[in-house]
Amino acid sequence: MSLNVCVAGATGWAGSELSRGIAAADDLSLVAAVARKHAGQHLGDVLGESRLRAMIFASASEALAQGCDVFVEYTKPESAKANILAALERGAHVVVGTSGLSDGDYAQIDAFARERQRGVLACGNFALTMVLLQKFAEMAAKYIPHWEIIDYAYQGKPDAPSGTVNELAGRLGKVRAPQLDVAIDSIVGVRETRGGSVHGTQVHAVRLPGFVLGAEVIFGMPDQTLTLRHSAGGSAKPYVDGALLAIRKVSGLIGVHRGLDAVLDL
């Protein structure tokens, strides 16, 4: 049986590649899309993909009126929360690829999702290499007391840290707090050069041309360091396989689950 999918942000950088991936899948059907700029057009005409026959709507509420099993949120932080809640209200499960939502946002979404008995799978990054970095980092944090994170992204990315790094820092914080030998408020000089504290971890956000998205966590012990790094190029293809997996698996969840590994056997 085919799953009916609605993609919000279907003509964007990541959403368009995912839409093409859905078109190529035998068990998925893209029935509606959200993209304000292209509202009223067929998604296949905009993306040059004849297998995509879905109509594009200006708002999530219009698209959701067509009915879907899974709603994929790939828009912007300022519209994401309302879109997710609207999808849950309509009875759809939700996959979230948009970054920038707060823990408070997710707490509210989780409560509503559980009330509606629907699943929300929120992934800061769908790339399998990033999922593995998160798991390896959690393992390392059990044994290495010092670590910091570097958050890489293109110069125009407005949110810092990225959703990927926020999720990574949160996961490490659940393992334990990293050791700081010099407290931030005891720094001599410019305290901001030590980064910002995210879930107890010092994070340094780099926003420069030449980067797309990446994360690096550096662990330190006396006379030794361990560096784990994920880097993504200019294509959105690394995120498609993970997002398709999330779409197929989210209906087995209730409430909010963070990270693609929630549905992987790792």
C-alpha atoms as a PDB file:
ATOM      1  CA  MET A   1       0.000   0.000   0.000  1.00  0.00           C
ATOM      2  CA  SER A   2       1.365   3.403  -0.992  1.00  0.00           C
ATOM      3  CA  LEU A   3       1.883   6.131   1.605  1.00  0.00           C
ATOM      4  CA  ASN A   4       0.477   9.518   0.631  1.00  0.00           C
ATOM      5  CA  VAL A   5       2.972  12.290   1.349  1.00  0.00           C
ATOM      6  CA  CYS A   6       2.755  16.086   1.436  1.00  0.00           C
ATOM      7  CA  VAL A   7       6.001  18.058   1.299  1.00  0.00           C
ATOM      8  CA  ALA A   8       6.172  21.638   2.573  1.00  0.00           C
ATOM      9  CA  GLY A   9       9.096  23.397   0.919  1.00  0.00           C
ATOM     10  CA  ALA A  10       8.902  21.048  -2.052  1.00  0.00           C
ATOM     11  CA  THR A  11      10.697  23.384  -4.467  1.00  0.00           C
ATOM     12  CA  GLY A  12      13.509  24.325  -2.109  1.00  0.00           C
ATOM     13  CA  TRP A  13      17.078  23.042  -2.054  1.00  0.00           C
ATOM     14  CA  ALA A  14      16.384  19.937   0.050  1.00  0.00           C
ATOM     15  CA  GLY A  15      12.660  19.594  -0.626  1.00  0.00           C
ATOM     16  CA  SER A  16      13.054  19.423  -4.393  1.00  0.00           C
ATOM     17  CA  GLU A  17      15.598  16.583  -4.179  1.00  0.00           C
ATOM     18  CA  LEU A  18      13.363  14.728  -1.734  1.00  0.00           C
ATOM     19  CA  SER A  19      10.375  15.209  -4.036  1.00  0.00           C
ATOM     20  CA  ARG A  20      12.310  13.579  -6.864  1.00  0.00           C
ATOM     21  CA  GLY A  21      13.217  10.742  -4.520  1.00  0.00           C
ATOM     22  CA  ILE A  22       9.551  10.215  -3.655  1.00  0.00           C
ATOM     23  CA  ALA A  23       8.708  10.168  -7.364  1.00  0.00           C
ATOM     24  CA  ALA A  24      11.167   7.317  -7.864  1.00  0.00           C
ATOM     25  CA  ALA A  25       9.780   5.270  -4.946  1.00  0.00           C
ATOM     26  CA  ASP A  26       7.184   2.582  -5.656  1.00  0.00           C
ATOM     27  CA  ASP A  27       5.686   2.706  -2.170  1.00  0.00           C
ATOM     28  CA  LEU A  28       5.284   6.487  -1.821  1.00  0.00           C
ATOM     29  CA  SER A  29       3.002   8.978  -3.556  1.00  0.00           C
ATOM     30  CA  LEU A  30       3.457  12.760  -3.338  1.00  0.00           C
ATOM     31  CA  VAL A  31      -0.122  14.069  -3.288  1.00  0.00           C
ATOM     32  CA  ALA A  32       0.379  17.752  -2.391  1.00  0.00           C
ATOM     33  CA  ALA A  33       3.160  20.307  -2.049  1.00  0.00           C
ATOM     34  CA  VAL A  34       3.650  23.656  -0.351  1.00  0.00           C
ATOM     35  CA  ALA A  35       5.654  26.439  -2.001  1.00  0.00           C
ATOM     36  CA  ARG A  36       4.207  29.935  -1.915  1.00  0.00           C
ATOM     37  CA  LYS A  37       6.156  31.209  -4.909  1.00  0.00           C
ATOM     38  CA  HIS A  38       4.889  28.434  -7.195  1.00  0.00           C
ATOM     39  CA  ALA A  39       1.346  28.079  -5.839  1.00  0.00           C
ATOM     40  CA  GLY A  40      -1.180  26.981  -8.452  1.00  0.00           C
ATOM     41  CA  GLN A  41       1.345  25.080 -10.541  1.00  0.00           C
ATOM     42  CA  HIS A  42       2.028  21.359 -10.798  1.00  0.00           C
ATOM     43  CA  LEU A  43       5.165  20.291  -8.949  1.00  0.00           C
ATOM     44  CA  GLY A  44       6.349  18.195 -11.888  1.00  0.00           C
ATOM     45  CA  ASP A  45       6.314  21.221 -14.182  1.00  0.00           C
ATOM     46  CA  VAL A  46       8.377  23.286 -11.730  1.00  0.00           C
ATOM     47  CA  LEU A  47      10.940  20.539 -11.044  1.00  0.00           C
ATOM     48  CA  GLY A  48      11.012  19.047 -14.539  1.00  0.00           C
ATOM     49  CA  GLU A  49       9.891  15.654 -13.236  1.00  0.00           C
ATOM     50  CA  SER A  50       6.941  14.173 -15.135  1.00  0.00           C
ATOM     51  CA  ARG A  51       6.218  11.573 -12.447  1.00  0.00           C
ATOM     52  CA  LEU A  52       5.250  14.329  -9.987  1.00  0.00           C
ATOM     53  CA  ARG A  53       1.633  15.316 -10.596  1.00  0.00           C
ATOM     54  CA  ALA A  54       0.888  16.985  -7.274  1.00  0.00           C
ATOM     55  CA  MET A  55      -0.493  20.507  -7.136  1.00  0.00           C
ATOM     56  CA  ILE A  56       1.462  23.187  -5.284  1.00  0.00           C
ATOM     57  CA  PHE A  57      -0.393  25.196  -2.629  1.00  0.00           C
ATOM     58  CA  ALA A  58       0.493  28.468  -0.940  1.00  0.00           C
ATOM     59  CA  SER A  59      -0.078  27.200   2.608  1.00  0.00           C
ATOM     60  CA  ALA A  60       0.157  23.998   4.573  1.00  0.00           C
ATOM     61  CA  SER A  61      -3.526  24.176   5.512  1.00  0.00           C
ATOM     62  CA  GLU A  62      -4.518  24.170   1.826  1.00  0.00           C
ATOM     63  CA  ALA A  63      -2.200  21.286   1.019  1.00  0.00           C
ATOM     64  CA  LEU A  64      -3.319  19.258   4.040  1.00  0.00           C
ATOM     65  CA  ALA A  65      -6.916  19.543   2.895  1.00  0.00           C
ATOM     66  CA  GLN A  66      -5.972  17.091   0.129  1.00  0.00           C
ATOM     67  CA  GLY A  67      -5.290  14.431   2.771  1.00  0.00           C
ATOM     68  CA  CYS A  68      -1.993  12.685   3.472  1.00  0.00           C
ATOM     69  CA  ASP A  69      -0.471  10.021   5.695  1.00  0.00           C
ATOM     70  CA  VAL A  70       2.847  11.802   6.253  1.00  0.00           C
ATOM     71  CA  PHE A  71       3.603  15.519   6.196  1.00  0.00           C
ATOM     72  CA  VAL A  72       7.227  16.550   5.603  1.00  0.00           C
ATOM     73  CA  GLU A  73       8.216  19.949   7.005  1.00  0.00           C
ATOM     74  CA  TYR A  74      11.062  21.495   5.009  1.00  0.00           C
ATOM     75  CA  THR A  75      10.298  25.235   5.187  1.00  0.00           C
ATOM     76  CA  LYS A  76      11.607  27.858   7.635  1.00  0.00           C
ATOM     77  CA  PRO A  77      11.690  28.039  11.448  1.00  0.00           C
ATOM     78  CA  GLU A  78       9.105  30.829  11.586  1.00  0.00           C
ATOM     79  CA  SER A  79       6.469  28.718   9.815  1.00  0.00           C
ATOM     80  CA  ALA A  80       7.536  25.202  10.799  1.00  0.00           C
ATOM     81  CA  LYS A  81       5.808  24.929  14.174  1.00  0.00           C
ATOM     82  CA  ALA A  82       2.427  26.074  12.861  1.00  0.00           C
ATOM     83  CA  ASN A  83       2.730  23.697   9.894  1.00  0.00           C
ATOM     84  CA  ILE A  84       3.563  20.743  12.146  1.00  0.00           C
ATOM     85  CA  LEU A  85       0.652  21.413  14.493  1.00  0.00           C
ATOM     86  CA  ALA A  86      -1.707  21.814  11.519  1.00  0.00           C
ATOM     87  CA  ALA A  87      -0.566  18.477  10.109  1.00  0.00           C
ATOM     88  CA  LEU A  88      -1.104  16.725  13.439  1.00  0.00           C
ATOM     89  CA  GLU A  89      -4.536  18.315  13.703  1.00  0.00           C
ATOM     90  CA  ARG A  90      -5.344  16.780  10.306  1.00  0.00           C
ATOM     91  CA  GLY A  91      -4.237  13.347  11.507  1.00  0.00           C
ATOM     92  CA  ALA A  92      -0.939  13.123   9.639  1.00  0.00           C
ATOM     93  CA  HIS A  93       2.359  11.869  10.994  1.00  0.00           C
ATOM     94  CA  VAL A  94       5.183  14.393  10.574  1.00  0.00           C
ATOM     95  CA  VAL A  95       8.814  14.286   9.491  1.00  0.00           C
ATOM     96  CA  VAL A  96      10.711  17.484  10.338  1.00  0.00           C
ATOM     97  CA  GLY A  97      13.776  18.539   8.372  1.00  0.00           C
ATOM     98  CA  THR A  98      13.579  22.223   9.260  1.00  0.00           C
ATOM     99  CA  SER A  99      16.107  23.436  11.823  1.00  0.00           C
ATOM    100  CA  GLY A 100      15.714  26.255  14.325  1.00  0.00           C
ATOM    101  CA  LEU A 101      12.864  24.955  16.499  1.00  0.00           C
ATOM    102  CA  SER A 102      13.513  25.192  20.243  1.00  0.00           C
ATOM    103  CA  ASP A 103      13.212  22.502  22.899  1.00  0.00           C
ATOM    104  CA  GLY A 104      10.150  24.371  24.123  1.00  0.00           C
ATOM    105  CA  ASP A 105       8.599  24.163  20.660  1.00  0.00           C
ATOM    106  CA  TYR A 106       9.197  20.433  20.579  1.00  0.00           C
ATOM    107  CA  ALA A 107       7.746  19.990  24.052  1.00  0.00           C
ATOM    108  CA  GLN A 108       4.506  21.587  22.875  1.00  0.00           C
ATOM    109  CA  ILE A 109       4.532  19.555  19.661  1.00  0.00           C
ATOM    110  CA  ASP A 110       5.169  16.352  21.618  1.00  0.00           C
ATOM    111  CA  ALA A 111       2.207  16.947  23.899  1.00  0.00           C
ATOM    112  CA  PHE A 112      -0.121  17.549  20.956  1.00  0.00           C
ATOM    113  CA  ALA A 113       1.261  14.603  18.971  1.00  0.00           C
ATOM    114  CA  ARG A 114       0.643  12.261  21.916  1.00  0.00           C
ATOM    115  CA  GLU A 115      -2.846  13.645  22.316  1.00  0.00           C
ATOM    116  CA  ARG A 116      -3.472  12.906  18.631  1.00  0.00           C
ATOM    117  CA  GLN A 117      -1.615   9.562  18.809  1.00  0.00           C
ATOM    118  CA  ARG A 118       0.673  10.549  15.963  1.00  0.00           C
ATOM    119  CA  GLY A 119       4.428  10.381  15.466  1.00  0.00           C
ATOM    120  CA  VAL A 120       6.846  13.241  14.810  1.00  0.00           C
ATOM    121  CA  LEU A 121      10.382  12.373  13.708  1.00  0.00           C
ATOM    122  CA  ALA A 122      12.590  15.467  13.887  1.00  0.00           C
ATOM    123  CA  CYS A 123      16.007  15.131  12.286  1.00  0.00           C
ATOM    124  CA  GLY A 124      18.604  17.869  12.393  1.00  0.00           C
ATOM    125  CA  ASN A 125      20.294  15.987   9.583  1.00  0.00           C
ATOM    126  CA  PHE A 126      19.128  13.056   7.468  1.00  0.00           C
ATOM    127  CA  ALA A 127      22.616  12.140   6.200  1.00  0.00           C
ATOM    128  CA  LEU A 128      23.642   8.682   7.367  1.00  0.00           C
ATOM    129  CA  THR A 129      27.219   9.861   7.963  1.00  0.00           C
ATOM    130  CA  MET A 130      25.944  12.455  10.426  1.00  0.00           C
ATOM    131  CA  VAL A 131      23.764   9.892  12.180  1.00  0.00           C
ATOM    132  CA  LEU A 132      26.847   7.716  12.677  1.00  0.00           C
ATOM    133  CA  LEU A 133      28.881  10.699  13.942  1.00  0.00           C
ATOM    134  CA  GLN A 134      26.222  11.313  16.599  1.00  0.00           C
ATOM    135  CA  LYS A 135      26.367   7.712  17.785  1.00  0.00           C
ATOM    136  CA  PHE A 136      30.193   7.618  17.777  1.00  0.00           C
ATOM    137  CA  ALA A 137      30.283  10.909  19.700  1.00  0.00           C
ATOM    138  CA  GLU A 138      27.924   9.573  22.363  1.00  0.00           C
ATOM    139  CA  MET A 139      30.201   6.559  22.768  1.00  0.00           C
ATOM    140  CA  ALA A 140      33.303   8.766  23.056  1.00  0.00           C
ATOM    141  CA  ALA A 141      31.683  11.084  25.617  1.00  0.00           C
ATOM    142  CA  LYS A 142      31.347   8.171  28.037  1.00  0.00           C
ATOM    143  CA  TYR A 143      35.124   7.873  28.230  1.00  0.00           C
ATOM    144  CA  ILE A 144      36.598  11.279  27.311  1.00  0.00           C
ATOM    145  CA  PRO A 145      35.755  14.162  29.681  1.00  0.00           C
ATOM    146  CA  HIS A 146      36.583  17.172  27.457  1.00  0.00           C
ATOM    147  CA  TRP A 147      34.953  18.103  24.145  1.00  0.00           C
ATOM    148  CA  GLU A 148      33.828  21.066  22.069  1.00  0.00           C
ATOM    149  CA  ILE A 149      31.895  21.368  18.795  1.00  0.00           C
ATOM    150  CA  ILE A 150      32.528  23.397  15.663  1.00  0.00           C
ATOM    151  CA  ASP A 151      29.433  24.173  13.592  1.00  0.00           C
ATOM    152  CA  TYR A 152      30.120  24.840   9.887  1.00  0.00           C
ATOM    153  CA  ALA A 153      27.621  26.391   7.465  1.00  0.00           C
ATOM    154  CA  TYR A 154      27.291  28.746   4.523  1.00  0.00           C
ATOM    155  CA  GLN A 155      27.514  32.467   5.170  1.00  0.00           C
ATOM    156  CA  GLY A 156      23.763  33.130   4.873  1.00  0.00           C
ATOM    157  CA  LYS A 157      22.476  30.510   7.300  1.00  0.00           C
ATOM    158  CA  PRO A 158      20.496  32.507   9.877  1.00  0.00           C
ATOM    159  CA  ASP A 159      20.260  30.007  12.728  1.00  0.00           C
ATOM    160  CA  ALA A 160      23.209  29.281  14.973  1.00  0.00           C
ATOM    161  CA  PRO A 161      23.784  26.657  16.052  1.00  0.00           C
ATOM    162  CA  SER A 162      22.341  24.615  13.223  1.00  0.00           C
ATOM    163  CA  GLY A 163      19.659  22.077  14.012  1.00  0.00           C
ATOM    164  CA  THR A 164      22.247  19.374  13.428  1.00  0.00           C
ATOM    165  CA  VAL A 165      24.672  20.780  16.001  1.00  0.00           C
ATOM    166  CA  ASN A 166      21.938  21.628  18.495  1.00  0.00           C
ATOM    167  CA  GLU A 167      20.824  18.011  18.349  1.00  0.00           C
ATOM    168  CA  LEU A 168      24.418  16.766  18.682  1.00  0.00           C
ATOM    169  CA  ALA A 169      25.081  18.969  21.724  1.00  0.00           C
ATOM    170  CA  GLY A 170      21.825  17.838  23.294  1.00  0.00           C
ATOM    171  CA  ARG A 171      22.727  14.204  22.864  1.00  0.00           C
ATOM    172  CA  LEU A 172      26.159  14.691  24.390  1.00  0.00           C
ATOM    173  CA  GLY A 173      24.632  16.614  27.283  1.00  0.00           C
ATOM    174  CA  LYS A 174      22.493  13.584  28.106  1.00  0.00           C
ATOM    175  CA  VAL A 175      25.629  11.456  28.378  1.00  0.00           C
ATOM    176  CA  ARG A 176      27.279  13.903  30.823  1.00  0.00           C
ATOM    177  CA  ALA A 177      28.510  17.485  31.058  1.00  0.00           C
ATOM    178  CA  PRO A 178      31.936  18.113  29.511  1.00  0.00           C
ATOM    179  CA  GLN A 179      34.713  19.226  31.825  1.00  0.00           C
ATOM    180  CA  LEU A 180      35.789  22.880  31.673  1.00  0.00           C
ATOM    181  CA  ASP A 181      39.047  23.527  33.515  1.00  0.00           C
ATOM    182  CA  VAL A 182      38.583  27.308  33.248  1.00  0.00           C
ATOM    183  CA  ALA A 183      35.032  28.503  33.802  1.00  0.00           C
ATOM    184  CA  ILE A 184      33.707  30.818  31.116  1.00  0.00           C
ATOM    185  CA  ASP A 185      33.092  33.629  33.606  1.00  0.00           C
ATOM    186  CA  SER A 186      36.763  33.378  34.638  1.00  0.00           C
ATOM    187  CA  ILE A 187      38.097  33.937  31.120  1.00  0.00           C
ATOM    188  CA  VAL A 188      40.648  36.733  30.824  1.00  0.00           C
ATOM    189  CA  GLY A 189      40.023  38.587  27.579  1.00  0.00           C
ATOM    190  CA  VAL A 190      37.030  38.209  25.245  1.00  0.00           C
ATOM    191  CA  ARG A 191      34.754  35.532  26.658  1.00  0.00           C
ATOM    192  CA  GLU A 192      32.875  35.146  23.376  1.00  0.00           C
ATOM    193  CA  THR A 193      35.946  33.590  21.745  1.00  0.00           C
ATOM    194  CA  ARG A 194      35.215  30.482  23.817  1.00  0.00           C
ATOM    195  CA  GLY A 195      31.973  29.997  21.933  1.00  0.00           C
ATOM    196  CA  GLY A 196      28.459  29.663  23.280  1.00  0.00           C
ATOM    197  CA  SER A 197      27.131  27.053  25.675  1.00  0.00           C
ATOM    198  CA  VAL A 198      24.589  24.730  24.046  1.00  0.00           C
ATOM    199  CA  HIS A 199      23.241  22.016  26.355  1.00  0.00           C
ATOM    200  CA  GLY A 200      26.429  22.458  28.384  1.00  0.00           C
ATOM    201  CA  THR A 201      28.828  22.096  25.437  1.00  0.00           C
ATOM    202  CA  GLN A 202      30.895  24.960  24.027  1.00  0.00           C
ATOM    203  CA  VAL A 203      29.925  25.464  20.381  1.00  0.00           C
ATOM    204  CA  HIS A 204      31.759  27.613  17.843  1.00  0.00           C
ATOM    205  CA  ALA A 205      29.659  28.545  14.781  1.00  0.00           C
ATOM    206  CA  VAL A 206      31.492  29.280  11.525  1.00  0.00           C
ATOM    207  CA  ARG A 207      29.473  30.953   8.755  1.00  0.00           C
ATOM    208  CA  LEU A 208      31.575  31.397   5.620  1.00  0.00           C
ATOM    209  CA  PRO A 209      31.381  30.934   1.846  1.00  0.00           C
ATOM    210  CA  GLY A 210      32.729  27.550   0.846  1.00  0.00           C
ATOM    211  CA  PHE A 211      30.854  25.623   3.521  1.00  0.00           C
ATOM    212  CA  VAL A 212      27.422  24.073   3.080  1.00  0.00           C
ATOM    213  CA  LEU A 213      26.718  22.150   6.280  1.00  0.00           C
ATOM    214  CA  GLY A 214      29.086  20.351   8.614  1.00  0.00           C
ATOM    215  CA  ALA A 215      29.811  19.463  12.198  1.00  0.00           C
ATOM    216  CA  GLU A 216      33.006  18.606  14.037  1.00  0.00           C
ATOM    217  CA  VAL A 217      33.315  17.420  17.621  1.00  0.00           C
ATOM    218  CA  ILE A 218      36.770  17.384  19.165  1.00  0.00           C
ATOM    219  CA  PHE A 219      37.467  15.255  22.229  1.00  0.00           C
ATOM    220  CA  GLY A 220      40.571  15.784  24.343  1.00  0.00           C
ATOM    221  CA  MET A 221      42.538  13.846  26.919  1.00  0.00           C
ATOM    222  CA  PRO A 222      46.124  14.387  28.099  1.00  0.00           C
ATOM    223  CA  ASP A 223      48.457  14.013  25.094  1.00  0.00           C
ATOM    224  CA  GLN A 224      45.705  12.802  22.760  1.00  0.00           C
ATOM    225  CA  THR A 225      42.685  14.074  20.839  1.00  0.00           C
ATOM    226  CA  LEU A 226      39.883  12.462  18.870  1.00  0.00           C
ATOM    227  CA  THR A 227      38.152  14.382  16.045  1.00  0.00           C
ATOM    228  CA  LEU A 228      34.872  13.311  14.452  1.00  0.00           C
ATOM    229  CA  ARG A 229      33.748  15.353  11.456  1.00  0.00           C
ATOM    230  CA  HIS A 230      30.865  15.278   9.016  1.00  0.00           C
ATOM    231  CA  SER A 231      30.922  17.489   5.907  1.00  0.00           C
ATOM    232  CA  ALA A 232      28.258  17.814   3.235  1.00  0.00           C
ATOM    233  CA  GLY A 233      28.735  19.232  -0.250  1.00  0.00           C
ATOM    234  CA  GLY A 234      26.505  21.434  -2.349  1.00  0.00           C
ATOM    235  CA  SER A 235      24.033  18.713  -3.318  1.00  0.00           C
ATOM    236  CA  ALA A 236      20.994  17.723  -1.251  1.00  0.00           C
ATOM    237  CA  LYS A 237      21.317  14.096  -2.351  1.00  0.00           C
ATOM    238  CA  PRO A 238      22.990  12.921   0.910  1.00  0.00           C
ATOM    239  CA  TYR A 239      19.742  13.655   2.759  1.00  0.00           C
ATOM    240  CA  VAL A 240      17.290  11.844   0.488  1.00  0.00           C
ATOM    241  CA  ASP A 241      17.789   8.232   1.585  1.00  0.00           C
ATOM    242  CA  GLY A 242      17.487   9.154   5.243  1.00  0.00           C
ATOM    243  CA  ALA A 243      14.395  11.285   4.662  1.00  0.00           C
ATOM    244  CA  LEU A 244      12.689   8.500   2.684  1.00  0.00           C
ATOM    245  CA  LEU A 245      13.442   6.107   5.530  1.00  0.00           C
ATOM    246  CA  ALA A 246      11.964   8.579   8.020  1.00  0.00           C
ATOM    247  CA  ILE A 247       8.778   8.880   5.940  1.00  0.00           C
ATOM    248  CA  ARG A 248       8.377   5.106   5.875  1.00  0.00           C
ATOM    249  CA  LYS A 249       9.024   4.670   9.611  1.00  0.00           C
ATOM    250  CA  VAL A 250       7.369   7.650  11.323  1.00  0.00           C
ATOM    251  CA  SER A 251       3.911   6.068  11.472  1.00  0.00           C
ATOM    252  CA  GLY A 252       5.299   3.542  13.958  1.00  0.00           C
ATOM    253  CA  LEU A 253       6.033   6.304  16.481  1.00  0.00           C
ATOM    254  CA  ILE A 254       3.946   8.229  18.991  1.00  0.00           C
ATOM    255  CA  GLY A 255       5.057  11.707  20.072  1.00  0.00           C
ATOM    256  CA  VAL A 256       8.269  13.510  19.175  1.00  0.00           C
ATOM    257  CA  HIS A 257      11.430  11.527  18.523  1.00  0.00           C
ATOM    258  CA  ARG A 258      14.691  13.333  17.805  1.00  0.00           C
ATOM    259  CA  GLY A 259      17.200  11.949  15.329  1.00  0.00           C
ATOM    260  CA  LEU A 260      17.046   9.466  12.502  1.00  0.00           C
ATOM    261  CA  ASP A 261      18.592   6.780  14.692  1.00  0.00           C
ATOM    262  CA  ALA A 262      15.229   6.586  16.485  1.00  0.00           C
ATOM    263  CA  VAL A 263      14.156   4.324  13.609  1.00  0.00           C
ATOM    264  CA  LEU A 264      17.522   2.695  12.857  1.00  0.00           C
ATOM    265  CA  ASP A 265      19.020  -0.445  14.361  1.00  0.00           C
ATOM    266  CA  LEU A 266      22.202   1.076  15.775  1.00  0.00           C
END
